[in-house]
């Protein structure tokens, strides 16, 4: 029974902030500007959407989903780095 209640326990604020920062850090690893900005925007929007969650099980589920999204983003960053474009995006060119 103790493990069931531990699984439903909501993550602490520092854990949530660490996940947020990790997702943003991972977004910076993408070579492609469009993908990098998409991951960054998706991260911020996801956290804004879930900021008002009050139910500990819903918070825990959102946190678990965020952790799995982080793992996916890390794997995708590696794949994208293997096929990095030779030309930068227009958005990244210096004027």
N, C-alpha and C. Protein backbone atom coordinates (compact mmCIF):
# COMPACT_ATOMS: atom_id res chain seq x y z
N UNK A 1 0.81 -1.19 0.00
CA UNK A 1 0.00 0.00 0.00
C UNK A 1 0.85 1.26 0.00
N UNK A 2 1.98 1.24 0.68
CA UNK A 2 2.83 2.42 0.76
C UNK A 2 3.35 2.83 -0.61
N UNK A 3 3.64 1.86 -1.47
CA UNK A 3 4.16 2.19 -2.79
C UNK A 3 3.08 2.86 -3.65
N UNK A 4 1.82 2.51 -3.45
CA UNK A 4 0.73 3.14 -4.21
C UNK A 4 0.60 4.61 -3.84
N UNK A 5 0.71 4.91 -2.56
CA UNK A 5 0.60 6.31 -2.15
C UNK A 5 1.85 7.09 -2.55
N UNK A 6 3.01 6.44 -2.58
CA UNK A 6 4.23 7.12 -3.00
C UNK A 6 4.17 7.43 -4.49
N UNK A 7 3.55 6.55 -5.27
CA UNK A 7 3.44 6.78 -6.71
C UNK A 7 2.51 7.96 -7.01
N UNK A 8 1.50 8.17 -6.15
CA UNK A 8 0.55 9.25 -6.37
C UNK A 8 1.02 10.57 -5.76
N UNK A 9 2.10 10.53 -5.01
CA UNK A 9 2.61 11.75 -4.38
C UNK A 9 3.07 12.73 -5.46
N UNK A 10 2.67 13.97 -5.29
CA UNK A 10 3.05 15.00 -6.25
C UNK A 10 4.53 15.33 -6.12
N UNK A 11 5.19 15.64 -7.23
CA UNK A 11 6.59 16.03 -7.16
C UNK A 11 6.73 17.40 -6.49
N UNK A 12 7.89 17.62 -5.92
CA UNK A 12 8.13 18.91 -5.25
C UNK A 12 8.37 20.01 -6.29
N UNK A 13 8.27 21.25 -5.86
CA UNK A 13 8.49 22.37 -6.76
C UNK A 13 9.90 22.34 -7.36
N UNK A 14 10.94 22.07 -6.57
CA UNK A 14 12.29 21.98 -7.18
C UNK A 14 12.40 20.88 -8.24
N UNK A 15 11.69 19.77 -8.04
CA UNK A 15 11.72 18.70 -9.05
C UNK A 15 11.06 19.16 -10.35
N UNK A 16 9.96 19.88 -10.22
CA UNK A 16 9.26 20.39 -11.40
C UNK A 16 10.14 21.42 -12.13
N UNK A 17 10.77 22.31 -11.37
CA UNK A 17 11.65 23.31 -11.98
C UNK A 17 12.85 22.65 -12.66
N UNK A 18 13.38 21.60 -12.05
CA UNK A 18 14.50 20.87 -12.66
C UNK A 18 14.07 20.24 -13.98
N UNK A 19 12.87 19.67 -14.01
CA UNK A 19 12.36 19.09 -15.25
C UNK A 19 12.18 20.18 -16.31
N UNK A 20 11.63 21.31 -15.93
CA UNK A 20 11.43 22.43 -16.86
C UNK A 20 12.76 22.88 -17.45
N UNK A 21 13.75 23.09 -16.58
CA UNK A 21 15.06 23.52 -17.05
C UNK A 21 15.72 22.47 -17.94
N UNK A 22 15.55 21.21 -17.60
CA UNK A 22 16.13 20.13 -18.40
C UNK A 22 15.52 20.10 -19.80
N UNK A 23 14.22 20.30 -19.88
CA UNK A 23 13.56 20.33 -21.18
C UNK A 23 14.05 21.52 -22.02
N UNK A 24 14.19 22.67 -21.39
CA UNK A 24 14.69 23.84 -22.12
C UNK A 24 16.15 23.65 -22.54
N UNK A 25 16.95 23.04 -21.68
CA UNK A 25 18.34 22.75 -22.01
C UNK A 25 18.43 21.78 -23.19
N UNK A 26 17.58 20.78 -23.17
CA UNK A 26 17.55 19.80 -24.26
C UNK A 26 17.11 20.46 -25.56
N UNK A 27 16.19 21.40 -25.48
CA UNK A 27 15.73 22.12 -26.68
C UNK A 27 16.90 22.83 -27.35
N UNK A 28 17.82 23.36 -26.57
CA UNK A 28 18.98 24.07 -27.13
C UNK A 28 19.93 23.16 -27.87
N UNK A 29 19.83 21.85 -27.65
CA UNK A 29 20.72 20.90 -28.31
C UNK A 29 20.34 20.62 -29.76
N UNK A 30 19.14 20.99 -30.17
CA UNK A 30 18.72 20.74 -31.55
C UNK A 30 19.43 21.71 -32.48
N UNK A 31 19.97 21.17 -33.57
CA UNK A 31 20.70 21.98 -34.54
C UNK A 31 19.75 22.81 -35.39
N UNK A 32 18.60 22.27 -35.69
CA UNK A 32 17.63 22.94 -36.55
C UNK A 32 16.84 23.98 -35.76
N UNK A 33 16.83 25.20 -36.25
CA UNK A 33 16.17 26.31 -35.58
C UNK A 33 14.69 26.02 -35.32
N UNK A 34 13.99 25.53 -36.36
CA UNK A 34 12.55 25.30 -36.24
C UNK A 34 12.23 24.25 -35.18
N UNK A 35 12.98 23.18 -35.16
CA UNK A 35 12.75 22.13 -34.17
C UNK A 35 13.10 22.64 -32.78
N UNK A 36 14.21 23.35 -32.68
CA UNK A 36 14.64 23.91 -31.39
C UNK A 36 13.56 24.82 -30.81
N UNK A 37 13.03 25.72 -31.63
CA UNK A 37 12.00 26.64 -31.17
C UNK A 37 10.69 25.92 -30.86
N UNK A 38 10.37 24.88 -31.65
CA UNK A 38 9.15 24.11 -31.39
C UNK A 38 9.24 23.44 -30.02
N UNK A 39 10.37 22.79 -29.72
CA UNK A 39 10.52 22.10 -28.44
C UNK A 39 10.48 23.11 -27.30
N UNK A 40 11.11 24.24 -27.47
CA UNK A 40 11.11 25.30 -26.45
C UNK A 40 9.69 25.80 -26.19
N UNK A 41 8.98 26.11 -27.28
CA UNK A 41 7.61 26.62 -27.18
C UNK A 41 6.68 25.58 -26.57
N UNK A 42 6.83 24.34 -27.00
CA UNK A 42 5.99 23.23 -26.50
C UNK A 42 6.20 23.03 -25.00
N UNK A 43 7.45 23.16 -24.57
CA UNK A 43 7.77 23.03 -23.14
C UNK A 43 7.08 24.11 -22.33
N UNK A 44 7.23 25.34 -22.76
CA UNK A 44 6.65 26.47 -22.03
C UNK A 44 5.12 26.37 -22.02
N UNK A 45 4.55 26.05 -23.16
CA UNK A 45 3.08 25.92 -23.23
C UNK A 45 2.57 24.78 -22.35
N UNK A 46 3.28 23.66 -22.34
CA UNK A 46 2.88 22.53 -21.52
C UNK A 46 2.88 22.85 -20.04
N UNK A 47 3.92 23.55 -19.60
CA UNK A 47 3.99 23.91 -18.18
C UNK A 47 2.95 24.97 -17.83
N UNK A 48 2.68 25.89 -18.74
CA UNK A 48 1.63 26.88 -18.48
C UNK A 48 0.26 26.21 -18.38
N UNK A 49 0.04 25.24 -19.26
CA UNK A 49 -1.24 24.54 -19.27
C UNK A 49 -1.46 23.78 -17.95
N UNK A 50 -0.40 23.24 -17.38
CA UNK A 50 -0.52 22.41 -16.18
C UNK A 50 -0.26 23.17 -14.87
N UNK A 51 -0.05 24.47 -14.93
CA UNK A 51 0.33 25.21 -13.72
C UNK A 51 -0.77 25.25 -12.66
N UNK A 52 -2.02 25.11 -13.07
CA UNK A 52 -3.13 25.20 -12.12
C UNK A 52 -3.63 23.84 -11.64
N UNK A 53 -2.91 22.78 -11.94
CA UNK A 53 -3.32 21.45 -11.47
C UNK A 53 -3.25 21.41 -9.94
N UNK A 54 -4.26 20.83 -9.32
CA UNK A 54 -4.31 20.77 -7.85
C UNK A 54 -4.32 19.33 -7.35
N UNK A 55 -4.86 18.42 -8.13
CA UNK A 55 -4.95 17.02 -7.73
C UNK A 55 -3.56 16.38 -7.77
N UNK A 56 -3.09 15.83 -6.64
CA UNK A 56 -1.74 15.22 -6.62
C UNK A 56 -1.54 14.14 -7.67
N UNK A 57 -2.57 13.35 -7.96
CA UNK A 57 -2.40 12.30 -8.97
C UNK A 57 -2.29 12.91 -10.37
N UNK A 58 -3.01 14.01 -10.62
CA UNK A 58 -2.91 14.68 -11.92
C UNK A 58 -1.54 15.34 -12.08
N UNK A 59 -1.05 15.92 -11.00
CA UNK A 59 0.28 16.54 -11.02
C UNK A 59 1.34 15.47 -11.26
N UNK A 60 1.20 14.36 -10.57
CA UNK A 60 2.15 13.26 -10.73
C UNK A 60 2.12 12.71 -12.15
N UNK A 61 0.93 12.59 -12.72
CA UNK A 61 0.80 12.09 -14.10
C UNK A 61 1.42 13.07 -15.09
N UNK A 62 1.19 14.37 -14.89
CA UNK A 62 1.78 15.38 -15.77
C UNK A 62 3.30 15.37 -15.65
N UNK A 63 3.80 15.20 -14.44
CA UNK A 63 5.25 15.15 -14.21
C UNK A 63 5.86 13.92 -14.89
N UNK A 64 5.20 12.79 -14.77
CA UNK A 64 5.67 11.56 -15.44
C UNK A 64 5.67 11.73 -16.95
N UNK A 65 4.63 12.36 -17.47
CA UNK A 65 4.57 12.62 -18.90
C UNK A 65 5.71 13.55 -19.32
N UNK A 66 5.99 14.56 -18.52
CA UNK A 66 7.09 15.47 -18.81
C UNK A 66 8.43 14.76 -18.82
N UNK A 67 8.63 13.83 -17.88
CA UNK A 67 9.88 13.08 -17.84
C UNK A 67 10.03 12.20 -19.07
N UNK A 68 8.93 11.58 -19.50
CA UNK A 68 9.01 10.75 -20.71
C UNK A 68 9.25 11.62 -21.95
N UNK A 69 8.65 12.82 -21.98
CA UNK A 69 8.91 13.74 -23.09
C UNK A 69 10.37 14.19 -23.11
N UNK A 70 10.95 14.35 -21.94
CA UNK A 70 12.37 14.72 -21.86
C UNK A 70 13.25 13.63 -22.47
N UNK A 71 12.96 12.39 -22.16
CA UNK A 71 13.73 11.28 -22.72
C UNK A 71 13.59 11.22 -24.24
N UNK A 72 12.37 11.44 -24.73
CA UNK A 72 12.15 11.46 -26.17
C UNK A 72 12.94 12.60 -26.81
N UNK A 73 12.88 13.78 -26.20
CA UNK A 73 13.59 14.94 -26.74
C UNK A 73 15.10 14.70 -26.76
N UNK A 74 15.63 14.08 -25.72
CA UNK A 74 17.07 13.79 -25.69
C UNK A 74 17.46 12.85 -26.82
N UNK A 75 16.66 11.81 -27.04
CA UNK A 75 16.95 10.86 -28.13
C UNK A 75 16.84 11.55 -29.48
N UNK A 76 15.82 12.38 -29.65
CA UNK A 76 15.64 13.07 -30.92
C UNK A 76 16.76 14.08 -31.17
N UNK A 77 17.27 14.72 -30.14
CA UNK A 77 18.37 15.66 -30.31
C UNK A 77 19.59 14.95 -30.86
N UNK A 78 19.84 13.73 -30.40
CA UNK A 78 20.96 12.95 -30.90
C UNK A 78 20.74 12.60 -32.37
N UNK A 79 19.53 12.15 -32.70
CA UNK A 79 19.23 11.79 -34.09
C UNK A 79 19.36 13.01 -35.00
N UNK A 80 18.82 14.14 -34.59
CA UNK A 80 18.92 15.35 -35.40
C UNK A 80 20.37 15.80 -35.55
N UNK A 81 21.19 15.59 -34.54
CA UNK A 81 22.60 16.00 -34.65
C UNK A 81 23.34 15.14 -35.68
N UNK A 82 22.89 13.92 -35.88
CA UNK A 82 23.52 13.06 -36.89
C UNK A 82 23.23 13.54 -38.31
N UNK A 83 22.10 14.20 -38.48
CA UNK A 83 21.68 14.68 -39.79
C UNK A 83 21.52 16.20 -39.79
N UNK A 84 22.44 16.88 -39.17
CA UNK A 84 22.36 18.33 -39.04
C UNK A 84 22.48 19.00 -40.41
N UNK A 85 21.68 20.03 -40.64
CA UNK A 85 21.76 20.73 -41.93
C UNK A 85 23.07 21.51 -42.03
N UNK A 86 23.59 21.59 -43.24
CA UNK A 86 24.84 22.32 -43.44
C UNK A 86 24.61 23.83 -43.45
N UNK A 87 23.42 24.23 -43.86
CA UNK A 87 23.08 25.64 -43.96
C UNK A 87 22.19 26.00 -42.77
N UNK A 88 22.47 27.14 -42.16
CA UNK A 88 21.66 27.57 -41.02
C UNK A 88 20.35 28.19 -41.53
N UNK A 89 19.42 28.29 -40.63
CA UNK A 89 18.14 28.92 -40.93
C UNK A 89 18.34 30.42 -41.11
N UNK A 90 17.46 31.04 -41.85
CA UNK A 90 17.51 32.48 -42.05
C UNK A 90 17.41 33.19 -40.71
N UNK A 91 16.69 32.60 -39.76
CA UNK A 91 16.51 33.21 -38.45
C UNK A 91 17.81 33.25 -37.65
N UNK A 92 18.78 32.41 -38.01
CA UNK A 92 20.03 32.35 -37.26
C UNK A 92 21.16 33.15 -37.90
N UNK A 93 20.95 33.66 -39.12
CA UNK A 93 21.99 34.41 -39.80
C UNK A 93 22.17 35.77 -39.14
N UNK A 94 23.43 36.18 -39.02
CA UNK A 94 23.70 37.50 -38.44
C UNK A 94 23.59 38.55 -39.51
N UNK A 95 23.09 39.68 -39.13
CA UNK A 95 22.89 40.78 -40.09
C UNK A 95 24.11 41.61 -40.22
